[in-house]
Each structure stands twice: as C-alpha cells, then as structure tokens.
Amino acid sequence: MILQLVLYKKTTKCVFQNYFRSIRSHYFCIYFTTEWKMRQNYVLEINPGFMNVRMLLVCSILAIAPLSGCIGDDSDSSDSESMCSGGVTDQDLIGMWTQYTDPDLTPREMNIRSNLEKTGYLQDDDFASTYCWTAESSELVEYVNYPQWSATHYMYSNYHVDGDLLFLGNVYSEWIHENGTSAGISYNDKPTECNVFHRKGVFSDNETINSTILSTEYPEFCTWVFADPSGAHPGDAWNATYLAQDHSDSVSTSATDNLMTIEIDEFHGEIDWYVSEGYFGFWVQLTVNNQSHQCDTGGESDCMITFSGVDEYYAVWEEGEIATLTENGVDICSVTCEVEITRFGVREEDTLFGNTEITIE
C-alpha cells in the first residue's frame, strides 16, 4: 500500500528514525526543503499488515501539523546532523531557557543547542524555525541564510549568564547579501532593556524566580529588565533633566560657530529615540535677538546638532553623550549673546526639563 502525503513546509531537514520502529517499511525518512512554500509529495511505502489505529493517528497528525521539528524529542540534539558550523560555543548558554515576563503574558522558550542551532525566542517561524548561533566576547550572534533572497539575516545581542539566569539584550539586526554588502540595519529602540531567562525546570515558583532576580547584580549592559520585579521601567529615564552650556569655542562672524552643548544632567537611564519609528527626534529651538532658529540633526536648518562623547548605542541618548549645536550657514551669534531655549524636543513630541537661558560668548 502506498500512502501519499502532500505537505507545505519551509524548514530544514528532519529525519524520523524511532517512531515507526514496529512498522516494517523499506525506509521512513522525510526531508523538508528550505524553499519558501515549495510543494512536495512525500511517499511512504508501508507493509499493509501494520496499518493499525496507531498508524492512522500518526499519519493524521503528520497531515495537519506544521511539523516544525522531529516528533517527540525537543532535547539537545548535539549528535544530530546540524546545518550550523564554524561558530564559537559557550557551554553556559546551552540548554532550554524560559523567559521571565509579566504574569499576564505567556513566557516564551528557547533551546540553545551544542550543535550551534537555536530555536525559539526572537525568531519568526513563518520564515525560519531554526537559527545558527555563535558567541564571542559576550555577544550572541544569531543568523540564518535565505537562499531565495540570496541573503543572510544576523541578530546581535549582548548576553550574560549568572547561575541559572541569562540576561539578553538585543541591539540590532542586519541583512547581508551573498556578495557581502549590507542590505539594511534595524536597531532595537531599547538596547539596554534586557530580557531575563531562567533554566527550564530549575525554579519551583515565581516567588523564587523574583527573589533570585532581585538578588542578582545586573550586567552593565542591562539598565533595565523587562517586567522587572522591582518595578523599575525604561519610562523612568524621562525623569532626567538636561544641562545646556556655552561651548568652549568663542563665537565669531563666521556662520559655522559651535554655540553650545547639551547633555543629560540628572541621569535615570538611557532615553530612546524611537529610531524604528523613523524618529531621531533631538531638536532645539533657540531665540537670539528676537530671531528664532531651529536646530536639528537633519543638517538643513539654521543650526545643526551632532553628538560626541559616550556613544555605545545608536538608538538611545546615553550618560556622557554630548550634543553640540553648531551654526549651519547662518550667523546666529557673532559676539556675546543671550540665548533662550524656547522649545526642546526628544523624539517627535516628548521633552525634558532643563535650563532655558544661556549666555554664549
């Protein structure tokens, strides 16, 4: 008897070995292609004498299930054939991890295998169910190749393992063409907000997990923790104030003078720019001698804003990161000027409080 299944799938290879041990078939091996939505016909040749209820049940499951992996075993498959090679392993990372999250949310899981494959968290199963991974200098790099697009998708995260806790902070992702050129970078708006994972099955209840997180020192790259049991939140960063000061350079009759600097005065955490929404919203409106001048990062206004100092992350304003306001072809101030900051914006509409009157010399 020939049983024919028609499946739609776009995953990597999967081999069924032990599930049909009692069935005297010539072979039982299914391969899935990596082609997106390619239709394949898989033929199973089975001895008619063994078509029992169990076989009917299993075949029904096979016909309707998404088949994202091999049936009945989600453990570390370090001995199985892997599509990943050449990476650097960190034994502390290997295992099943459960995300710490709000009680109202369903925690997500991820499986980091010693064969350099990873499934779960931060992946889109509509495109790829398995990523490769490598760990170098406390940076976790996940990647998967898409032959149909001739490109590889990379995701970069900071990580730190402390006992049975894993701190993971996603920074950015990038698409690389097969010719080595970048096809675009996407930044995480909150790179210093970490997700915490705990080893699956280690903690008996949420109270124990909470107390363990609270008693653990967060790594330097984690200013915040998602669903922090202490109640801390990235929104607390907006309690900061700014400090505007006269630039150390003297003004002149040129139209390219450095006018002032602005930095975070009372720091409560990194302030995100919402770059994923298209905002790099640092802008200032100055009034000098009853004339209004707009300053922004676009380079088309009377005054241009650039950044220096600490600049580890593109998507946030950091402690020690200094904004410099410079004339952009317009002589705003030639001698000593009394300058008023009439409007100050971070992102499109949000603002911070700070000093508004500065003497520029």
Protein backbone atom coordinates (compact mmCIF):
# COMPACT_ATOMS: atom_id res chain seq x y z
CA MET A 1 0.00 0.00 0.00
CA ILE A 2 1.22 3.48 -0.83
CA LEU A 3 0.26 6.39 1.46
CA GLN A 4 0.89 9.79 -0.10
CA LEU A 5 1.10 12.99 1.95
CA VAL A 6 1.14 16.47 0.46
CA LEU A 7 2.94 18.87 2.81
CA TYR A 8 3.75 22.57 2.75
CA LYS A 9 6.86 23.48 4.70
CA LYS A 10 9.98 25.61 4.65
CA THR A 11 12.17 24.18 7.39
CA THR A 12 15.43 22.35 7.50
CA LYS A 13 15.96 18.60 7.22
CA CYS A 14 14.24 16.35 9.72
CA VAL A 15 14.67 12.60 9.98
CA PHE A 16 12.17 10.30 11.66
CA GLN A 17 14.00 7.24 12.99
CA ASN A 18 12.48 5.59 16.02
CA TYR A 19 8.81 6.48 15.93
CA PHE A 20 7.87 3.73 13.49
CA ARG A 21 10.22 1.08 14.80
CA SER A 22 7.38 -1.52 14.72
CA ILE A 23 6.49 -0.82 11.11
CA ARG A 24 8.32 -2.97 8.56
CA SER A 25 8.75 -0.27 5.97
CA HIS A 26 11.56 -0.15 3.45
CA TYR A 27 12.51 3.20 4.94
CA PHE A 28 10.89 6.09 6.76
CA CYS A 29 12.70 9.35 6.16
CA ILE A 30 11.23 12.75 5.38
CA TYR A 31 13.25 15.71 4.10
CA PHE A 32 11.95 19.25 4.01
CA THR A 33 13.40 21.78 1.64
CA THR A 34 14.45 25.29 2.55
CA GLU A 35 12.49 26.72 -0.36
CA TRP A 36 9.68 29.05 0.71
CA LYS A 37 6.26 27.41 0.28
CA MET A 38 7.52 24.79 -2.15
CA ARG A 39 5.04 21.96 -2.59
CA GLN A 40 6.47 18.48 -2.16
CA ASN A 41 4.92 14.99 -2.40
CA TYR A 42 6.27 12.53 0.12
CA VAL A 43 5.59 8.83 -0.42
CA LEU A 44 5.66 6.32 2.42
CA GLU A 45 5.81 2.64 1.46
CA ILE A 46 4.31 0.62 4.29
CA ASN A 47 3.54 -3.05 4.86
CA PRO A 48 -0.31 -3.32 4.70
CA GLY A 49 -0.40 -5.68 7.67
CA PHE A 50 0.65 -2.96 10.04
CA MET A 51 -1.90 -0.27 9.17
CA ASN A 52 -3.43 -0.15 12.64
CA VAL A 53 -5.09 2.60 14.63
CA ARG A 54 -1.77 4.00 15.80
CA MET A 55 -0.59 4.37 12.24
CA LEU A 56 -3.78 6.14 11.22
CA LEU A 57 -3.47 8.53 14.16
CA VAL A 58 0.15 9.36 13.44
CA CYS A 59 -0.45 9.86 9.73
CA SER A 60 -3.36 12.18 10.53
CA ILE A 61 -1.08 14.23 12.75
CA LEU A 62 1.55 14.37 10.03
CA ALA A 63 -1.01 15.56 7.50
CA ILE A 64 -2.19 18.53 9.57
CA ALA A 65 0.65 19.51 11.87
CA PRO A 66 3.13 22.26 10.99
CA LEU A 67 5.99 19.82 11.54
CA SER A 68 8.47 22.36 12.89
CA GLY A 69 10.75 19.61 14.20
CA CYS A 70 11.02 15.90 14.83
CA ILE A 71 8.21 14.30 16.81
CA GLY A 72 8.65 13.55 20.47
CA ASP A 73 12.12 14.97 21.17
CA ASP A 74 12.98 18.61 21.80
CA SER A 75 16.14 17.95 23.78
CA ASP A 76 19.63 19.00 22.78
CA SER A 77 20.40 17.18 19.56
CA SER A 78 24.16 17.63 19.69
CA ASP A 79 24.74 14.31 17.98
CA SER A 80 22.37 15.01 15.08
CA GLU A 81 23.35 16.50 11.79
CA SER A 82 23.49 20.30 12.05
CA MET A 83 23.12 22.97 9.42
CA CYS A 84 25.39 25.24 11.51
CA SER A 85 29.16 25.07 11.67
CA GLY A 86 32.19 27.19 12.39
CA GLY A 87 30.73 29.05 15.36
CA VAL A 88 32.11 29.55 18.85
CA THR A 89 30.20 27.81 21.64
CA ASP A 90 29.71 28.92 25.23
CA GLN A 91 28.74 25.98 27.42
CA ASP A 92 26.94 28.30 29.84
CA LEU A 93 24.42 29.15 27.12
CA ILE A 94 23.46 25.61 26.17
CA GLY A 95 20.10 24.34 27.36
CA MET A 96 16.39 25.09 27.50
CA TRP A 97 15.54 28.60 28.74
CA THR A 98 12.22 30.13 29.78
CA GLN A 99 11.58 33.85 29.51
CA TYR A 100 10.77 35.84 32.64
CA THR A 101 7.80 38.05 31.82
CA ASP A 102 4.65 39.72 33.14
CA PRO A 103 2.22 37.33 34.85
CA ASP A 104 -0.41 38.18 32.21
CA LEU A 105 1.86 37.15 29.33
CA THR A 106 2.80 33.68 28.17
CA PRO A 107 6.54 33.10 28.68
CA ARG A 108 8.45 32.15 25.56
CA GLU A 109 11.10 29.46 25.47
CA MET A 110 14.27 28.96 23.52
CA ASN A 111 16.53 25.98 23.06
CA ILE A 112 20.23 26.70 22.57
CA ARG A 113 21.91 23.52 21.38
CA SER A 114 25.54 22.49 21.48
CA ASN A 115 25.45 21.83 17.73
CA LEU A 116 25.14 25.62 17.25
CA GLU A 117 21.43 25.53 16.42
CA LYS A 118 18.89 27.66 18.28
CA THR A 119 15.10 27.62 18.22
CA GLY A 120 12.56 29.83 19.93
CA TYR A 121 12.74 33.42 21.15
CA LEU A 122 13.35 36.28 18.64
CA GLN A 123 12.60 34.14 15.62
CA ASP A 124 9.83 34.23 13.05
CA ASP A 125 8.70 30.71 12.26
CA ASP A 126 6.97 31.96 9.13
CA PHE A 127 10.42 32.32 7.61
CA ALA A 128 12.81 30.12 9.60
CA SER A 129 12.30 27.88 12.61
CA THR A 130 15.99 27.33 13.33
CA TYR A 131 18.80 29.84 13.59
CA CYS A 132 22.52 29.25 13.91
CA TRP A 133 24.38 30.92 16.75
CA THR A 134 27.88 31.84 17.82
CA ALA A 135 29.08 33.56 20.99
CA GLU A 136 32.08 35.87 21.02
CA SER A 137 33.17 38.35 23.71
CA SER A 138 29.79 38.33 25.50
CA GLU A 139 27.98 38.93 22.20
CA LEU A 140 25.45 36.40 20.94
CA VAL A 141 25.13 36.39 17.15
CA GLU A 142 22.20 34.54 15.57
CA TYR A 143 21.93 34.09 11.85
CA VAL A 144 20.05 32.22 9.16
CA ASN A 145 20.56 32.08 5.41
CA TYR A 146 17.71 32.61 2.95
CA PRO A 147 18.73 31.21 -0.46
CA GLN A 148 15.54 32.52 -2.06
CA TRP A 149 16.64 36.07 -1.20
CA SER A 150 20.39 35.49 -1.59
CA ALA A 151 20.90 37.00 1.85
CA THR A 152 21.66 36.12 5.48
CA HIS A 153 19.90 37.69 8.46
CA TYR A 154 22.06 38.41 11.53
CA MET A 155 20.85 39.42 15.00
CA TYR A 156 23.30 40.82 17.57
CA SER A 157 22.68 40.74 21.32
CA ASN A 158 24.65 41.27 24.50
CA TYR A 159 24.39 38.37 26.92
CA HIS A 160 25.47 37.35 30.40
CA VAL A 161 24.88 34.10 32.28
CA ASP A 162 24.74 34.25 36.08
CA GLY A 163 23.99 30.84 37.57
CA ASP A 164 20.61 29.79 36.23
CA LEU A 165 19.77 33.24 34.83
CA LEU A 166 20.50 34.51 31.33
CA PHE A 167 20.42 38.25 30.60
CA LEU A 168 19.88 39.00 26.91
CA GLY A 169 19.80 42.48 25.36
CA ASN A 170 19.11 42.70 21.63
CA VAL A 171 20.98 45.61 20.00
CA TYR A 172 20.42 45.42 16.25
CA SER A 173 19.93 43.13 13.26
CA GLU A 174 21.34 43.29 9.74
CA TRP A 175 20.73 41.70 6.36
CA ILE A 176 23.86 40.81 4.38
CA HIS A 177 23.77 40.00 0.66
CA GLU A 178 25.72 36.95 -0.51
CA ASN A 179 28.20 39.39 -2.10
CA GLY A 180 28.99 40.74 1.38
CA THR A 181 27.19 44.08 1.15
CA SER A 182 24.67 45.23 3.75
CA ALA A 183 21.01 45.27 2.77
CA GLY A 184 19.93 47.28 5.81
CA ILE A 185 20.24 47.58 9.59
CA SER A 186 17.38 47.64 12.10
CA TYR A 187 18.07 48.99 15.60
CA ASN A 188 16.32 47.98 18.78
CA ASP A 189 14.73 51.05 20.37
CA LYS A 190 15.63 49.87 23.86
CA PRO A 191 19.02 48.11 23.61
CA THR A 192 19.68 48.49 27.35
CA GLU A 193 16.41 46.82 28.35
CA CYS A 194 17.19 43.14 28.83
CA ASN A 195 15.06 40.05 28.83
CA VAL A 196 15.85 37.61 31.61
CA PHE A 197 15.64 33.86 31.04
CA HIS A 198 15.89 31.09 33.62
CA ARG A 199 16.83 27.50 33.04
CA LYS A 200 13.73 25.45 32.45
CA GLY A 201 12.61 23.47 35.48
CA VAL A 202 15.11 24.94 37.94
CA PHE A 203 12.78 27.27 39.85
CA SER A 204 9.69 25.88 41.52
CA ASP A 205 7.59 29.07 41.53
CA ASN A 206 7.54 32.74 40.53
CA GLU A 207 8.35 33.92 44.03
CA THR A 208 11.66 32.07 43.91
CA ILE A 209 12.42 33.46 40.46
CA ASN A 210 11.61 37.00 41.59
CA SER A 211 13.83 36.82 44.65
CA THR A 212 16.68 35.35 42.59
CA ILE A 213 16.48 38.16 40.02
CA LEU A 214 16.31 40.84 42.71
CA SER A 215 19.38 39.43 44.47
CA THR A 216 21.42 39.24 41.24
CA GLU A 217 23.56 42.14 40.05
CA TYR A 218 22.52 43.12 36.55
CA PRO A 219 25.26 43.16 33.91
CA GLU A 220 26.50 46.58 32.79
CA PHE A 221 24.56 46.49 29.51
CA CYS A 222 21.25 45.97 31.36
CA THR A 223 19.98 49.29 32.67
CA TRP A 224 16.51 47.81 32.69
CA VAL A 225 14.96 44.36 32.88
CA PHE A 226 11.68 43.59 31.15
CA ALA A 227 8.95 43.07 33.79
CA ASP A 228 11.50 43.93 36.49
CA PRO A 229 10.17 42.57 39.82
CA SER A 230 11.47 45.76 41.49
CA GLY A 231 9.05 47.82 39.40
CA ALA A 232 11.78 49.76 37.53
CA HIS A 233 10.82 50.70 33.96
CA PRO A 234 12.52 52.42 30.97
CA GLY A 235 9.94 55.21 31.29
CA ASP A 236 11.77 56.26 34.46
CA ALA A 237 14.52 57.65 32.23
CA TRP A 238 12.26 60.58 31.36
CA ASN A 239 12.63 61.90 34.91
CA ALA A 240 16.02 63.22 33.78
CA THR A 241 16.86 66.87 33.18
CA TYR A 242 19.23 68.39 30.64
CA LEU A 243 22.06 70.88 31.07
CA ALA A 244 22.81 73.41 28.32
CA GLN A 245 26.17 75.24 28.45
CA ASP A 246 28.16 77.70 26.39
CA HIS A 247 30.59 75.89 24.08
CA SER A 248 34.27 76.28 24.91
CA ASP A 249 34.91 77.79 21.45
CA SER A 250 34.42 81.52 21.03
CA VAL A 251 31.82 82.84 18.62
CA SER A 252 32.77 84.97 15.59
CA THR A 253 31.30 86.48 12.45
CA SER A 254 31.59 83.17 10.64
CA ALA A 255 28.49 81.08 10.09
CA THR A 256 29.95 77.82 11.42
CA ASP A 257 30.49 78.58 15.13
CA ASN A 258 29.91 75.99 17.83
CA LEU A 259 27.30 77.63 20.04
CA MET A 260 26.51 75.34 22.97
CA THR A 261 26.47 71.81 24.29
CA ILE A 262 23.58 69.88 25.84
CA GLU A 263 23.85 66.70 27.91
CA ILE A 264 21.78 64.75 30.39
CA ASP A 265 22.14 66.31 33.83
CA GLU A 266 20.22 64.02 36.17
CA PHE A 267 20.59 60.61 34.57
CA HIS A 268 17.96 57.94 35.26
CA GLY A 269 18.70 55.67 32.32
CA GLU A 270 19.14 55.80 28.56
CA ILE A 271 16.50 57.77 26.64
CA ASP A 272 15.39 56.08 23.43
CA TRP A 273 14.98 57.97 20.16
CA TYR A 274 12.35 55.65 18.65
CA VAL A 275 14.54 55.15 15.60
CA SER A 276 12.40 52.20 14.47
CA GLU A 277 9.52 54.65 14.01
CA GLY A 278 11.66 56.95 11.88
CA TYR A 279 12.30 59.49 14.64
CA PHE A 280 15.70 60.78 15.62
CA GLY A 281 13.91 63.48 17.46
CA PHE A 282 16.55 65.59 19.15
CA TRP A 283 15.72 69.18 18.21
CA VAL A 284 16.06 72.60 19.82
CA GLN A 285 14.51 75.97 19.05
CA LEU A 286 16.62 78.97 20.01
CA THR A 287 15.66 82.62 20.26
CA VAL A 288 18.51 85.11 19.80
CA ASN A 289 17.85 88.86 19.47
CA ASN A 290 14.17 88.15 18.87
CA GLN A 291 15.05 85.82 16.00
CA SER A 292 14.00 82.16 16.15
CA HIS A 293 16.32 79.44 14.89
CA GLN A 294 15.66 75.73 14.57
CA CYS A 295 18.41 73.22 15.40
CA ASP A 296 18.15 69.54 14.46
CA THR A 297 20.12 66.54 13.25
CA GLY A 298 18.96 66.74 9.64
CA GLY A 299 21.51 69.33 8.51
CA GLU A 300 19.00 71.56 6.69
CA SER A 301 18.14 74.01 9.49
CA ASP A 302 19.92 77.17 10.67
CA CYS A 303 21.66 75.12 13.33
CA MET A 304 22.96 71.55 13.20
CA ILE A 305 23.18 69.05 16.09
CA THR A 306 25.97 66.48 16.29
CA PHE A 307 26.96 64.09 19.07
CA SER A 308 30.22 63.18 20.78
CA GLY A 309 31.46 61.51 23.94
CA VAL A 310 29.87 58.24 25.02
CA ASP A 311 28.03 56.71 22.07
CA GLU A 312 27.82 52.96 22.54
CA TYR A 313 24.27 52.61 21.22
CA TYR A 314 22.79 54.34 18.20
CA ALA A 315 19.19 54.19 19.38
CA VAL A 316 19.46 55.96 22.77
CA TRP A 317 20.79 59.12 24.41
CA GLU A 318 23.36 57.96 26.94
CA GLU A 319 25.01 59.38 30.02
CA GLY A 320 28.09 61.27 28.87
CA GLU A 321 26.81 61.65 25.29
CA ILE A 322 27.09 65.34 24.38
CA ALA A 323 25.03 67.18 21.79
CA THR A 324 26.78 70.14 20.13
CA LEU A 325 24.75 72.90 18.45
CA THR A 326 26.62 74.47 15.52
CA GLU A 327 25.71 77.24 13.08
CA ASN A 328 24.82 75.80 9.71
CA GLY A 329 25.50 78.62 7.25
CA VAL A 330 23.61 81.22 9.31
CA ASP A 331 25.41 83.63 11.65
CA ILE A 332 23.24 83.20 14.74
CA CYS A 333 25.65 84.81 17.20
CA SER A 334 28.74 86.94 16.41
CA VAL A 335 29.52 88.38 19.84
CA THR A 336 28.17 87.76 23.32
CA CYS A 337 24.54 86.68 23.01
CA GLU A 338 21.74 85.90 25.41
CA VAL A 339 20.13 82.75 24.09
CA GLU A 340 16.80 81.33 25.15
CA ILE A 341 15.83 77.72 24.55
CA THR A 342 12.18 78.21 23.70
CA ARG A 343 11.49 74.59 22.76
CA PHE A 344 13.39 71.38 23.39
CA GLY A 345 12.32 68.04 21.94
CA VAL A 346 13.41 64.46 22.19
CA ARG A 347 11.66 62.16 19.70
CA GLU A 348 8.79 63.81 17.85
CA GLU A 349 6.80 65.25 20.75
CA ASP A 350 8.44 64.34 24.06
CA THR A 351 10.54 66.78 26.02
CA LEU A 352 12.84 67.11 29.01
CA PHE A 353 13.16 69.93 31.52
CA GLY A 354 16.36 71.90 31.97
CA ASN A 355 17.86 75.39 31.95
CA THR A 356 16.48 77.65 29.24
CA GLU A 357 18.71 80.76 29.35
CA ILE A 358 22.38 80.61 28.32
CA THR A 359 24.97 83.28 27.69
CA ILE A 360 27.09 82.50 24.63
CA GLU A 361 30.45 84.20 24.22
